[in-house]
Amino acid sequence: MTDFSIASAARHVDVLRASLDVDRIDPTTQSMFEAWAQRDTWLARSEALPLLVGAEPTEWQASMLDPERAEAAELLWLVLASALKLDPNADPAIAPLRIRSWAQAAGIALPRALSRLLDFISSVLPQAATADPNADTESLVLRAQERETLLGAALMLVTKDPASCVGADGRYDSRLIARLIRSRALLWFPLGPPLASAEEIDALIGRWVDGAAHR
């Protein structure tokens, strides 16, 4: 009989992380998680589960050749599917923050780099999502995608170029970060400038900087 308890989930995660350093934050690891964190959804079994463990989803199947890891991955998936009421025989799309919430409830620490990214995103998206209740669905989706891109850009800057993001008081300055994003906009918005105004970008980054300062 399958054990669907939180304790069993933690045991399976430990097995799958045996050869991984989930506290590592280096350019390669950071870039990998940044690319995934900017997506609206992950496939629950083939993407969310590997990312929860700390593995690159595209390399996940290759690591399943080890019988112990394969068994742990299967059992972890059954626990996760049961907790989130997902079809265990399917691979449905779910929001990244849903995995984050489940991991927090289960007492399972996400990989450090991924945790920082999702903390960053969750600190501002709930406030921004209700900013314009009368907007049409397509516009809301585009705005949400743009916010995620902006947040990913900001986090990349504070991670890779922190000196340019700090004000005279030694703290992150949201206006400096927003100005850097706008000056390098082609890196993240190659097809055209962001829909958000300079003031909206300042406010978005400012909410995260304020939130991060109190965590």
N, C-alpha and C. Protein backbone atom coordinates (compact mmCIF):
# COMPACT_ATOMS: atom_id res chain seq x y z
N MET A 1 0.85 -1.20 0.00
CA MET A 1 0.00 0.00 0.00
C MET A 1 0.88 1.25 0.00
N THR A 2 0.59 2.16 -0.92
CA THR A 2 1.41 3.36 -1.04
C THR A 2 1.21 4.29 0.14
N ASP A 3 2.31 4.78 0.69
CA ASP A 3 2.27 5.73 1.79
C ASP A 3 2.22 7.13 1.19
N PHE A 4 1.09 7.85 1.42
CA PHE A 4 0.92 9.18 0.84
C PHE A 4 1.25 10.28 1.85
N SER A 5 1.92 9.95 2.93
CA SER A 5 2.19 10.92 3.98
C SER A 5 3.28 11.91 3.57
N ILE A 6 3.30 13.03 4.29
CA ILE A 6 4.33 14.05 4.06
C ILE A 6 5.71 13.47 4.36
N ALA A 7 5.78 12.66 5.41
CA ALA A 7 7.07 12.06 5.77
C ALA A 7 7.61 11.20 4.64
N SER A 8 6.72 10.47 3.97
CA SER A 8 7.17 9.63 2.86
C SER A 8 7.67 10.48 1.71
N ALA A 9 7.01 11.60 1.45
CA ALA A 9 7.44 12.50 0.37
C ALA A 9 8.85 13.00 0.64
N ALA A 10 9.12 13.39 1.89
CA ALA A 10 10.45 13.88 2.24
C ALA A 10 11.50 12.80 2.05
N ARG A 11 11.16 11.55 2.37
CA ARG A 11 12.12 10.45 2.19
C ARG A 11 12.45 10.24 0.71
N HIS A 12 11.42 10.32 -0.13
CA HIS A 12 11.64 10.13 -1.56
C HIS A 12 12.49 11.26 -2.13
N VAL A 13 12.23 12.47 -1.67
CA VAL A 13 13.02 13.63 -2.12
C VAL A 13 14.48 13.45 -1.72
N ASP A 14 14.71 12.97 -0.50
CA ASP A 14 16.09 12.76 -0.03
C ASP A 14 16.82 11.76 -0.92
N VAL A 15 16.15 10.69 -1.32
CA VAL A 15 16.77 9.70 -2.21
C VAL A 15 17.15 10.34 -3.55
N LEU A 16 16.22 11.13 -4.09
CA LEU A 16 16.43 11.73 -5.40
C LEU A 16 17.47 12.85 -5.38
N ARG A 17 17.71 13.41 -4.19
CA ARG A 17 18.69 14.49 -4.07
C ARG A 17 20.06 13.99 -3.62
N ALA A 18 20.21 12.70 -3.51
CA ALA A 18 21.45 12.14 -2.95
C ALA A 18 22.70 12.64 -3.65
N SER A 19 22.64 12.84 -4.95
CA SER A 19 23.82 13.27 -5.70
C SER A 19 23.73 14.73 -6.17
N LEU A 20 22.77 15.47 -5.60
CA LEU A 20 22.55 16.86 -6.02
C LEU A 20 22.91 17.83 -4.91
N ASP A 21 23.38 19.02 -5.29
CA ASP A 21 23.63 20.10 -4.33
C ASP A 21 22.54 21.14 -4.53
N VAL A 22 21.46 21.03 -3.74
CA VAL A 22 20.31 21.92 -3.95
C VAL A 22 20.54 23.31 -3.39
N ASP A 23 21.63 23.52 -2.67
CA ASP A 23 21.95 24.86 -2.16
C ASP A 23 22.86 25.62 -3.10
N ARG A 24 23.24 24.99 -4.20
CA ARG A 24 24.18 25.61 -5.13
C ARG A 24 23.51 26.77 -5.88
N ILE A 25 24.22 27.88 -5.94
CA ILE A 25 23.78 29.02 -6.76
C ILE A 25 24.98 29.48 -7.58
N ASP A 26 25.07 28.98 -8.80
CA ASP A 26 26.12 29.37 -9.73
C ASP A 26 25.44 29.83 -11.01
N PRO A 27 26.16 30.45 -11.93
CA PRO A 27 25.51 30.98 -13.15
C PRO A 27 24.71 29.94 -13.93
N THR A 28 25.24 28.73 -14.04
CA THR A 28 24.54 27.70 -14.80
C THR A 28 23.24 27.29 -14.12
N THR A 29 23.31 27.05 -12.82
CA THR A 29 22.11 26.68 -12.06
C THR A 29 21.10 27.81 -12.07
N GLN A 30 21.56 29.03 -11.86
CA GLN A 30 20.68 30.19 -11.83
C GLN A 30 19.97 30.35 -13.17
N SER A 31 20.70 30.24 -14.26
CA SER A 31 20.10 30.41 -15.58
C SER A 31 19.07 29.33 -15.86
N MET A 32 19.36 28.11 -15.44
CA MET A 32 18.43 27.01 -15.65
C MET A 32 17.10 27.28 -14.95
N PHE A 33 17.18 27.65 -13.68
CA PHE A 33 15.95 27.89 -12.93
C PHE A 33 15.23 29.17 -13.40
N GLU A 34 15.99 30.18 -13.83
CA GLU A 34 15.37 31.40 -14.34
C GLU A 34 14.50 31.08 -15.55
N ALA A 35 15.02 30.24 -16.44
CA ALA A 35 14.27 29.89 -17.65
C ALA A 35 12.97 29.20 -17.30
N TRP A 36 13.00 28.31 -16.32
CA TRP A 36 11.78 27.60 -15.93
C TRP A 36 10.83 28.48 -15.12
N ALA A 37 11.37 29.32 -14.26
CA ALA A 37 10.53 30.15 -13.40
C ALA A 37 9.71 31.17 -14.18
N GLN A 38 10.15 31.51 -15.39
CA GLN A 38 9.43 32.49 -16.18
C GLN A 38 8.26 31.87 -16.95
N ARG A 39 8.09 30.56 -16.86
CA ARG A 39 6.97 29.91 -17.53
C ARG A 39 5.70 30.01 -16.68
N ASP A 40 4.56 30.12 -17.34
CA ASP A 40 3.29 30.20 -16.62
C ASP A 40 2.93 28.88 -15.96
N THR A 41 3.26 27.77 -16.61
CA THR A 41 2.92 26.45 -16.09
C THR A 41 4.06 25.47 -16.32
N TRP A 42 4.05 24.42 -15.51
CA TRP A 42 4.96 23.30 -15.70
C TRP A 42 4.13 22.04 -15.84
N LEU A 43 4.61 21.07 -16.60
CA LEU A 43 3.99 19.75 -16.62
C LEU A 43 4.32 19.09 -15.28
N ALA A 44 3.27 18.66 -14.59
CA ALA A 44 3.43 18.24 -13.20
C ALA A 44 4.46 17.12 -13.00
N ARG A 45 4.37 16.10 -13.83
CA ARG A 45 5.24 14.93 -13.61
C ARG A 45 6.61 15.08 -14.25
N SER A 46 6.67 15.55 -15.46
CA SER A 46 7.94 15.57 -16.20
C SER A 46 8.75 16.86 -16.00
N GLU A 47 8.13 17.91 -15.44
CA GLU A 47 8.85 19.17 -15.24
C GLU A 47 8.82 19.62 -13.78
N ALA A 48 7.62 19.72 -13.18
CA ALA A 48 7.52 20.21 -11.81
C ALA A 48 8.24 19.30 -10.82
N LEU A 49 8.04 17.99 -10.97
CA LEU A 49 8.66 17.06 -10.03
C LEU A 49 10.19 17.12 -10.09
N PRO A 50 10.82 17.08 -11.28
CA PRO A 50 12.28 17.23 -11.32
C PRO A 50 12.76 18.56 -10.73
N LEU A 51 12.04 19.65 -11.02
CA LEU A 51 12.45 20.96 -10.51
C LEU A 51 12.32 21.01 -8.99
N LEU A 52 11.29 20.37 -8.45
CA LEU A 52 11.14 20.27 -7.00
C LEU A 52 12.36 19.59 -6.39
N VAL A 53 12.81 18.55 -7.04
CA VAL A 53 13.98 17.81 -6.56
C VAL A 53 15.26 18.62 -6.74
N GLY A 54 15.33 19.40 -7.83
CA GLY A 54 16.53 20.19 -8.11
C GLY A 54 17.25 19.77 -9.36
N ALA A 55 16.54 19.00 -10.22
CA ALA A 55 17.16 18.49 -11.45
C ALA A 55 16.61 19.21 -12.67
N GLU A 56 17.40 19.24 -13.72
CA GLU A 56 16.96 19.78 -15.00
C GLU A 56 15.98 18.78 -15.63
N PRO A 57 14.75 19.20 -15.91
CA PRO A 57 13.76 18.26 -16.47
C PRO A 57 14.21 17.53 -17.73
N THR A 58 14.98 18.21 -18.58
CA THR A 58 15.40 17.55 -19.82
C THR A 58 16.39 16.42 -19.57
N GLU A 59 16.98 16.38 -18.38
CA GLU A 59 17.94 15.34 -18.04
C GLU A 59 17.36 14.31 -17.07
N TRP A 60 16.10 14.50 -16.72
CA TRP A 60 15.47 13.69 -15.68
C TRP A 60 15.38 12.21 -16.05
N GLN A 61 14.90 11.92 -17.25
CA GLN A 61 14.70 10.52 -17.63
C GLN A 61 16.01 9.73 -17.63
N ALA A 62 17.10 10.36 -17.99
CA ALA A 62 18.38 9.66 -18.01
C ALA A 62 18.77 9.19 -16.61
N SER A 63 18.39 9.95 -15.60
CA SER A 63 18.74 9.58 -14.22
C SER A 63 17.84 8.49 -13.67
N MET A 64 16.77 8.15 -14.40
CA MET A 64 15.84 7.13 -13.94
C MET A 64 16.31 5.72 -14.27
N LEU A 65 17.49 5.58 -14.86
CA LEU A 65 18.04 4.26 -15.15
C LEU A 65 18.43 3.55 -13.86
N ASP A 66 18.67 4.32 -12.81
CA ASP A 66 18.97 3.74 -11.51
C ASP A 66 17.66 3.28 -10.86
N PRO A 67 17.52 1.99 -10.53
CA PRO A 67 16.26 1.47 -10.00
C PRO A 67 15.78 2.16 -8.73
N GLU A 68 16.70 2.48 -7.82
CA GLU A 68 16.30 3.13 -6.57
C GLU A 68 15.72 4.51 -6.83
N ARG A 69 16.37 5.25 -7.72
CA ARG A 69 15.88 6.59 -8.06
C ARG A 69 14.55 6.50 -8.80
N ALA A 70 14.42 5.55 -9.69
CA ALA A 70 13.18 5.39 -10.44
C ALA A 70 12.01 5.08 -9.51
N GLU A 71 12.26 4.22 -8.53
CA GLU A 71 11.20 3.88 -7.57
C GLU A 71 10.83 5.09 -6.72
N ALA A 72 11.84 5.83 -6.26
CA ALA A 72 11.58 7.02 -5.45
C ALA A 72 10.81 8.07 -6.24
N ALA A 73 11.16 8.24 -7.51
CA ALA A 73 10.46 9.21 -8.36
C ALA A 73 9.00 8.81 -8.57
N GLU A 74 8.75 7.53 -8.79
CA GLU A 74 7.39 7.04 -8.97
C GLU A 74 6.56 7.25 -7.71
N LEU A 75 7.13 6.92 -6.56
CA LEU A 75 6.40 7.07 -5.30
C LEU A 75 6.16 8.55 -4.97
N LEU A 76 7.16 9.39 -5.23
CA LEU A 76 6.99 10.82 -4.99
C LEU A 76 5.89 11.38 -5.88
N TRP A 77 5.85 10.93 -7.13
CA TRP A 77 4.81 11.40 -8.04
C TRP A 77 3.42 11.00 -7.52
N LEU A 78 3.28 9.78 -7.03
CA LEU A 78 1.98 9.33 -6.52
C LEU A 78 1.55 10.16 -5.31
N VAL A 79 2.50 10.50 -4.44
CA VAL A 79 2.19 11.34 -3.28
C VAL A 79 1.78 12.74 -3.75
N LEU A 80 2.54 13.29 -4.68
CA LEU A 80 2.26 14.63 -5.18
C LEU A 80 0.92 14.68 -5.90
N ALA A 81 0.66 13.69 -6.76
CA ALA A 81 -0.60 13.65 -7.50
C ALA A 81 -1.78 13.53 -6.55
N SER A 82 -1.63 12.73 -5.50
CA SER A 82 -2.71 12.57 -4.52
C SER A 82 -2.96 13.88 -3.78
N ALA A 83 -1.88 14.55 -3.35
CA ALA A 83 -2.03 15.79 -2.58
C ALA A 83 -2.66 16.91 -3.40
N LEU A 84 -2.32 16.97 -4.70
CA LEU A 84 -2.82 18.05 -5.56
C LEU A 84 -4.03 17.63 -6.38
N LYS A 85 -4.52 16.40 -6.11
CA LYS A 85 -5.71 15.87 -6.80
C LYS A 85 -5.52 15.86 -8.32
N LEU A 86 -4.38 15.32 -8.73
CA LEU A 86 -4.06 15.20 -10.15
C LEU A 86 -4.21 13.75 -10.59
N ASP A 87 -4.47 13.55 -11.86
CA ASP A 87 -4.55 12.20 -12.41
C ASP A 87 -3.14 11.61 -12.45
N PRO A 88 -2.87 10.55 -11.68
CA PRO A 88 -1.51 9.99 -11.65
C PRO A 88 -1.07 9.36 -12.96
N ASN A 89 -2.03 9.13 -13.86
CA ASN A 89 -1.71 8.54 -15.15
C ASN A 89 -1.51 9.58 -16.25
N ALA A 90 -1.60 10.85 -15.87
CA ALA A 90 -1.45 11.94 -16.84
C ALA A 90 -0.27 12.82 -16.44
N ASP A 91 -0.06 13.88 -17.18
CA ASP A 91 1.02 14.84 -16.90
C ASP A 91 0.46 16.25 -17.09
N PRO A 92 -0.50 16.63 -16.23
CA PRO A 92 -1.19 17.91 -16.43
C PRO A 92 -0.31 19.12 -16.13
N ALA A 93 -0.66 20.25 -16.72
CA ALA A 93 0.05 21.50 -16.47
C ALA A 93 -0.44 22.11 -15.16
N ILE A 94 0.50 22.59 -14.35
CA ILE A 94 0.15 23.27 -13.11
C ILE A 94 1.01 24.51 -12.95
N ALA A 95 0.54 25.44 -12.13
CA ALA A 95 1.28 26.68 -11.89
C ALA A 95 2.48 26.41 -10.98
N PRO A 96 3.63 27.02 -11.25
CA PRO A 96 4.79 26.82 -10.39
C PRO A 96 4.53 27.14 -8.92
N LEU A 97 3.73 28.18 -8.67
CA LEU A 97 3.48 28.55 -7.28
C LEU A 97 2.65 27.51 -6.55
N ARG A 98 1.95 26.65 -7.29
CA ARG A 98 1.20 25.57 -6.65
C ARG A 98 2.15 24.53 -6.07
N ILE A 99 3.21 24.24 -6.80
CA ILE A 99 4.24 23.34 -6.29
C ILE A 99 4.92 23.95 -5.07
N ARG A 100 5.20 25.23 -5.15
CA ARG A 100 5.84 25.93 -4.04
C ARG A 100 4.99 25.82 -2.78
N SER A 101 3.68 26.05 -2.92
CA SER A 101 2.78 25.98 -1.77
C SER A 101 2.76 24.58 -1.17
N TRP A 102 2.72 23.56 -2.04
CA TRP A 102 2.70 22.19 -1.53
C TRP A 102 4.00 21.87 -0.81
N ALA A 103 5.13 22.27 -1.38
CA ALA A 103 6.42 22.00 -0.75
C ALA A 103 6.52 22.67 0.61
N GLN A 104 6.02 23.90 0.71
CA GLN A 104 6.04 24.60 1.99
C GLN A 104 5.20 23.87 3.02
N ALA A 105 4.00 23.43 2.61
CA ALA A 105 3.11 22.70 3.52
C ALA A 105 3.73 21.38 3.95
N ALA A 106 4.49 20.76 3.05
CA ALA A 106 5.11 19.47 3.35
C ALA A 106 6.43 19.61 4.09
N GLY A 107 6.89 20.85 4.25
CA GLY A 107 8.16 21.07 4.93
C GLY A 107 9.36 20.67 4.10
N ILE A 108 9.20 20.68 2.76
CA ILE A 108 10.28 20.32 1.85
C ILE A 108 10.87 21.60 1.27
N ALA A 109 12.12 21.85 1.54
CA ALA A 109 12.77 23.05 1.02
C ALA A 109 13.02 22.90 -0.48
N LEU A 110 12.64 23.89 -1.24
CA LEU A 110 12.94 23.88 -2.67
C LEU A 110 14.43 24.13 -2.87
N PRO A 111 14.97 23.78 -4.02
CA PRO A 111 16.36 24.16 -4.32
C PRO A 111 16.52 25.66 -4.11
N ARG A 112 17.63 26.05 -3.54
CA ARG A 112 17.81 27.44 -3.11
C ARG A 112 17.56 28.45 -4.22
N ALA A 113 18.13 28.20 -5.39
CA ALA A 113 17.98 29.15 -6.50
C ALA A 113 16.53 29.25 -6.94
N LEU A 114 15.83 28.13 -7.00
CA LEU A 114 14.42 28.14 -7.40
C LEU A 114 13.57 28.81 -6.35
N SER A 115 13.85 28.56 -5.08
CA SER A 115 13.08 29.16 -4.00
C SER A 115 13.15 30.68 -4.06
N ARG A 116 14.34 31.22 -4.31
CA ARG A 116 14.50 32.67 -4.40
C ARG A 116 13.69 33.25 -5.55
N LEU A 117 13.70 32.56 -6.67
CA LEU A 117 12.95 33.03 -7.83
C LEU A 117 11.45 33.04 -7.56
N LEU A 118 10.92 31.95 -7.02
CA LEU A 118 9.48 31.87 -6.79
C LEU A 118 9.05 32.79 -5.65
N ASP A 119 9.91 32.99 -4.65
CA ASP A 119 9.61 33.97 -3.61
C ASP A 119 9.49 35.35 -4.22
N PHE A 120 10.41 35.64 -5.12
CA PHE A 120 10.44 36.93 -5.81
C PHE A 120 9.15 37.14 -6.58
N ILE A 121 8.76 36.15 -7.37
CA ILE A 121 7.57 36.26 -8.20
C ILE A 121 6.30 36.35 -7.35
N SER A 122 6.19 35.49 -6.34
CA SER A 122 4.97 35.46 -5.54
C SER A 122 4.77 36.72 -4.71
N SER A 123 5.86 37.43 -4.42
CA SER A 123 5.74 38.62 -3.58
C SER A 123 5.04 39.77 -4.29
N VAL A 124 4.98 39.72 -5.64
CA VAL A 124 4.36 40.83 -6.35
C VAL A 124 3.18 40.42 -7.22
N LEU A 125 3.16 39.19 -7.72
CA LEU A 125 2.10 38.81 -8.64
C LEU A 125 0.70 38.87 -8.05
N PRO A 126 0.47 38.45 -6.79
CA PRO A 126 -0.89 38.54 -6.27
C PRO A 126 -1.44 39.95 -6.26
N GLN A 127 -0.58 40.93 -6.00
CA GLN A 127 -1.04 42.32 -6.00
C GLN A 127 -1.30 42.80 -7.41
N ALA A 128 -0.44 42.43 -8.35
CA ALA A 128 -0.57 42.92 -9.71
C ALA A 128 -1.71 42.26 -10.47
N ALA A 129 -2.03 41.00 -10.09
CA ALA A 129 -3.02 40.24 -10.85
C ALA A 129 -4.41 40.86 -10.82
N THR A 130 -4.72 41.61 -9.76
CA THR A 130 -6.05 42.21 -9.64
C THR A 130 -6.04 43.70 -9.94
N ALA A 131 -4.98 44.16 -10.56
CA ALA A 131 -4.84 45.60 -10.80
C ALA A 131 -5.93 46.15 -11.71
N ASP A 132 -6.38 45.36 -12.69
CA ASP A 132 -7.37 45.84 -13.65
C ASP A 132 -8.43 44.77 -13.87
N PRO A 133 -9.44 44.67 -13.01
CA PRO A 133 -10.44 43.61 -13.11
C PRO A 133 -11.29 43.69 -14.36
N ASN A 134 -11.30 44.82 -15.06
CA ASN A 134 -12.13 44.98 -16.26
C ASN A 134 -11.38 44.64 -17.55
N ALA A 135 -10.09 44.31 -17.43
CA ALA A 135 -9.31 44.01 -18.63
C ALA A 135 -9.75 42.67 -19.21
N ASP A 136 -9.64 42.52 -20.54
CA ASP A 136 -10.02 41.26 -21.17
C ASP A 136 -8.99 40.19 -20.85
N THR A 137 -9.40 38.93 -21.04
CA THR A 137 -8.55 37.80 -20.65
C THR A 137 -7.21 37.81 -21.36
N GLU A 138 -7.21 38.07 -22.67
CA GLU A 138 -5.95 38.07 -23.42
C GLU A 138 -5.00 39.12 -22.88
N SER A 139 -5.53 40.29 -22.58
CA SER A 139 -4.70 41.36 -22.06
C SER A 139 -4.11 40.98 -20.70
N LEU A 140 -4.93 40.33 -19.85
CA LEU A 140 -4.44 39.91 -18.53
C LEU A 140 -3.31 38.89 -18.67
N VAL A 141 -3.46 37.96 -19.61
CA VAL A 141 -2.44 36.95 -19.82
C VAL A 141 -1.14 37.60 -20.28
N LEU A 142 -1.25 38.53 -21.25
CA LEU A 142 -0.06 39.21 -21.76
C LEU A 142 0.62 40.00 -20.66
N ARG A 143 -0.18 40.66 -19.85
CA ARG A 143 0.37 41.45 -18.75
C ARG A 143 1.07 40.55 -17.73
N ALA A 144 0.44 39.41 -17.42
CA ALA A 144 1.03 38.48 -16.46
C ALA A 144 2.36 37.94 -16.98
N GLN A 145 2.39 37.59 -18.28
CA GLN A 145 3.63 37.09 -18.87
C GLN A 145 4.71 38.16 -18.85
N GLU A 146 4.30 39.40 -19.11
CA GLU A 146 5.28 40.48 -19.11
C GLU A 146 5.82 40.72 -17.71
N ARG A 147 4.94 40.67 -16.69
CA ARG A 147 5.40 40.85 -15.32
C ARG A 147 6.42 39.79 -14.94
N GLU A 148 6.16 38.54 -15.36
CA GLU A 148 7.09 37.47 -15.04
C GLU A 148 8.44 37.70 -15.72
N THR A 149 8.41 38.21 -16.95
CA THR A 149 9.65 38.51 -17.66
C THR A 149 10.41 39.63 -16.95
N LEU A 150 9.69 40.65 -16.52
CA LEU A 150 10.32 41.77 -15.81
C LEU A 150 10.93 41.30 -14.49
N LEU A 151 10.21 40.45 -13.78
CA LEU A 151 10.72 39.94 -12.50
C LEU A 151 11.95 39.06 -12.72
N GLY A 152 11.91 38.25 -13.77
CA GLY A 152 13.07 37.43 -14.09
C GLY A 152 14.27 38.29 -14.45
N ALA A 153 14.02 39.37 -15.19
CA ALA A 153 15.10 40.28 -15.57
C ALA A 153 15.70 40.95 -14.33
N ALA A 154 14.82 41.38 -13.42
CA ALA A 154 15.29 42.05 -12.22
C ALA A 154 16.12 41.11 -11.35
N LEU A 155 15.65 39.89 -11.20
CA LEU A 155 16.39 38.94 -10.37
C LEU A 155 17.73 38.59 -11.01
N MET A 156 17.76 38.49 -12.33
CA MET A 156 19.02 38.22 -13.01
C MET A 156 20.02 39.35 -12.75
N LEU A 157 19.52 40.59 -12.78
CA LEU A 157 20.40 41.74 -12.56
C LEU A 157 20.95 41.77 -11.14
N VAL A 158 20.09 41.54 -10.14
CA VAL A 158 20.59 41.59 -8.76
C VAL A 158 21.49 40.42 -8.44
N THR A 159 21.34 39.33 -9.22
CA THR A 159 22.19 38.16 -9.00
C THR A 159 23.53 38.29 -9.70
N LYS A 160 23.49 38.77 -10.95
CA LYS A 160 24.70 38.79 -11.77
C LYS A 160 25.40 40.15 -11.80
N ASP A 161 24.69 41.22 -11.48
CA ASP A 161 25.30 42.55 -11.52
C ASP A 161 24.82 43.35 -10.30
N PRO A 162 25.03 42.81 -9.10
CA PRO A 162 24.49 43.46 -7.89
C PRO A 162 25.01 44.87 -7.66
N ALA A 163 26.26 45.14 -8.03
CA ALA A 163 26.83 46.46 -7.78
C ALA A 163 26.05 47.56 -8.49
N SER A 164 25.47 47.24 -9.66
CA SER A 164 24.73 48.25 -10.42
C SER A 164 23.31 48.44 -9.87
N CYS A 165 22.90 47.58 -8.94
CA CYS A 165 21.53 47.62 -8.43
C CYS A 165 21.43 48.21 -7.03
N VAL A 166 22.58 48.61 -6.47
CA VAL A 166 22.62 49.09 -5.09
C VAL A 166 22.77 50.60 -5.05
N GLY A 167 21.98 51.25 -4.19
CA GLY A 167 22.04 52.69 -4.05
C GLY A 167 23.12 53.13 -3.09
N ALA A 168 23.15 54.42 -2.81
CA ALA A 168 24.19 54.98 -1.94
C ALA A 168 24.09 54.43 -0.52
N ASP A 169 22.90 53.98 -0.12
CA ASP A 169 22.73 53.45 1.24
C ASP A 169 23.10 51.98 1.36
N GLY A 170 23.59 51.39 0.25
CA GLY A 170 24.01 50.00 0.29
C GLY A 170 22.90 49.00 0.11
N ARG A 171 21.70 49.47 -0.19
CA ARG A 171 20.56 48.58 -0.36
C ARG A 171 20.11 48.58 -1.82
N TYR A 172 19.39 47.51 -2.19
CA TYR A 172 18.88 47.45 -3.56
C TYR A 172 17.94 48.63 -3.80
N ASP A 173 18.13 49.29 -4.93
CA ASP A 173 17.34 50.46 -5.31
C ASP A 173 16.45 50.07 -6.48
N SER A 174 15.14 50.03 -6.25
CA SER A 174 14.22 49.58 -7.30
C SER A 174 14.27 50.48 -8.53
N ARG A 175 14.52 51.77 -8.34
CA ARG A 175 14.58 52.68 -9.49
C ARG A 175 15.80 52.38 -10.36
N LEU A 176 16.93 52.05 -9.72
CA LEU A 176 18.12 51.69 -10.49
C LEU A 176 17.88 50.40 -11.27
N ILE A 177 17.25 49.43 -10.60
CA ILE A 177 16.99 48.14 -11.26
C ILE A 177 16.05 48.33 -12.43
N ALA A 178 14.98 49.09 -12.23
CA ALA A 178 14.01 49.33 -13.30
C ALA A 178 14.66 50.08 -14.46
N ARG A 179 15.54 51.04 -14.15
CA ARG A 179 16.23 51.79 -15.20
C ARG A 179 17.14 50.88 -16.02
N LEU A 180 17.81 49.94 -15.33
CA LEU A 180 18.67 48.99 -16.03
C LEU A 180 17.86 48.10 -16.97
N ILE A 181 16.70 47.66 -16.48
CA ILE A 181 15.84 46.81 -17.32
C ILE A 181 15.42 47.57 -18.57
N ARG A 182 15.01 48.82 -18.39
CA ARG A 182 14.56 49.59 -19.55
C ARG A 182 15.71 49.87 -20.51
N SER A 183 16.89 50.12 -19.98
CA SER A 183 18.03 50.42 -20.86
C SER A 183 18.51 49.19 -21.63
N ARG A 184 18.21 48.00 -21.09
CA ARG A 184 18.61 46.76 -21.75
C ARG A 184 17.39 45.97 -22.21
N ALA A 185 16.32 46.67 -22.49
CA ALA A 185 15.04 46.02 -22.78
C ALA A 185 15.10 45.01 -23.92
N LEU A 186 15.97 45.26 -24.91
CA LEU A 186 16.05 44.35 -26.06
C LEU A 186 16.46 42.94 -25.66
N LEU A 187 17.13 42.80 -24.52
CA LEU A 187 17.54 41.48 -24.06
C LEU A 187 16.33 40.62 -23.71
N TRP A 188 15.29 41.28 -23.15
CA TRP A 188 14.12 40.53 -22.68
C TRP A 188 12.88 40.77 -23.55
N PHE A 189 12.87 41.85 -24.29
CA PHE A 189 11.72 42.18 -25.14
C PHE A 189 12.20 42.48 -26.56
N PRO A 190 12.71 41.46 -27.25
CA PRO A 190 13.29 41.69 -28.59
C PRO A 190 12.26 42.09 -29.65
N LEU A 191 10.98 41.80 -29.40
CA LEU A 191 9.95 42.10 -30.42
C LEU A 191 9.31 43.47 -30.24
N GLY A 192 9.65 44.17 -29.19
CA GLY A 192 9.07 45.48 -28.96
C GLY A 192 9.15 45.84 -27.49
N PRO A 193 8.96 47.10 -27.14
CA PRO A 193 9.07 47.53 -25.75
C PRO A 193 7.97 46.91 -24.89
N PRO A 194 8.19 46.80 -23.58
CA PRO A 194 7.15 46.26 -22.70
C PRO A 194 5.91 47.14 -22.69
N LEU A 195 4.76 46.52 -22.43
CA LEU A 195 3.51 47.27 -22.34
C LEU A 195 3.48 48.17 -21.12
N ALA A 196 4.13 47.73 -20.06
CA ALA A 196 4.13 48.50 -18.82
C ALA A 196 4.89 49.81 -18.98
N SER A 197 4.38 50.84 -18.36
CA SER A 197 5.05 52.14 -18.38
C SER A 197 6.24 52.12 -17.43
N ALA A 198 7.06 53.14 -17.52
CA ALA A 198 8.20 53.25 -16.62
C ALA A 198 7.74 53.27 -15.17
N GLU A 199 6.63 53.97 -14.91
CA GLU A 199 6.09 54.05 -13.55
C GLU A 199 5.62 52.69 -13.06
N GLU A 200 4.99 51.92 -13.95
CA GLU A 200 4.50 50.59 -13.57
C GLU A 200 5.66 49.64 -13.28
N ILE A 201 6.71 49.74 -14.08
CA ILE A 201 7.88 48.89 -13.86
C ILE A 201 8.54 49.26 -12.53
N ASP A 202 8.67 50.57 -12.27
CA ASP A 202 9.22 51.03 -10.99
C ASP A 202 8.43 50.47 -9.83
N ALA A 203 7.09 50.53 -9.94
CA ALA A 203 6.23 50.07 -8.85
C ALA A 203 6.34 48.56 -8.65
N LEU A 204 6.40 47.82 -9.75
CA LEU A 204 6.49 46.36 -9.68
C LEU A 204 7.78 45.94 -8.97
N ILE A 205 8.90 46.50 -9.41
CA ILE A 205 10.18 46.15 -8.80
C ILE A 205 10.25 46.68 -7.37
N GLY A 206 9.65 47.83 -7.14
CA GLY A 206 9.65 48.41 -5.80
C GLY A 206 8.93 47.54 -4.79
N ARG A 207 7.84 46.92 -5.21
CA ARG A 207 7.10 46.04 -4.28
C ARG A 207 7.95 44.84 -3.87
N TRP A 208 8.71 44.31 -4.85
CA TRP A 208 9.55 43.17 -4.50
C TRP A 208 10.70 43.60 -3.58
N VAL A 209 11.35 44.73 -3.89
CA VAL A 209 12.46 45.19 -3.06
C VAL A 209 11.98 45.43 -1.64
N ASP A 210 10.81 46.07 -1.49
CA ASP A 210 10.26 46.31 -0.16
C ASP A 210 9.93 45.01 0.55
N GLY A 211 9.34 44.06 -0.20
CA GLY A 211 9.00 42.78 0.40
C GLY A 211 10.23 41.99 0.82
N ALA A 212 11.27 42.02 -0.04
CA ALA A 212 12.48 41.27 0.26
C ALA A 212 13.19 41.84 1.49
N ALA A 213 13.08 43.15 1.68
CA ALA A 213 13.75 43.79 2.81
C ALA A 213 13.16 43.37 4.14
N HIS A 214 11.90 42.91 4.12
CA HIS A 214 11.23 42.54 5.36
C HIS A 214 11.18 41.03 5.58
N ARG A 215 11.83 40.27 4.67
CA ARG A 215 11.84 38.82 4.85
C ARG A 215 13.10 38.36 5.57
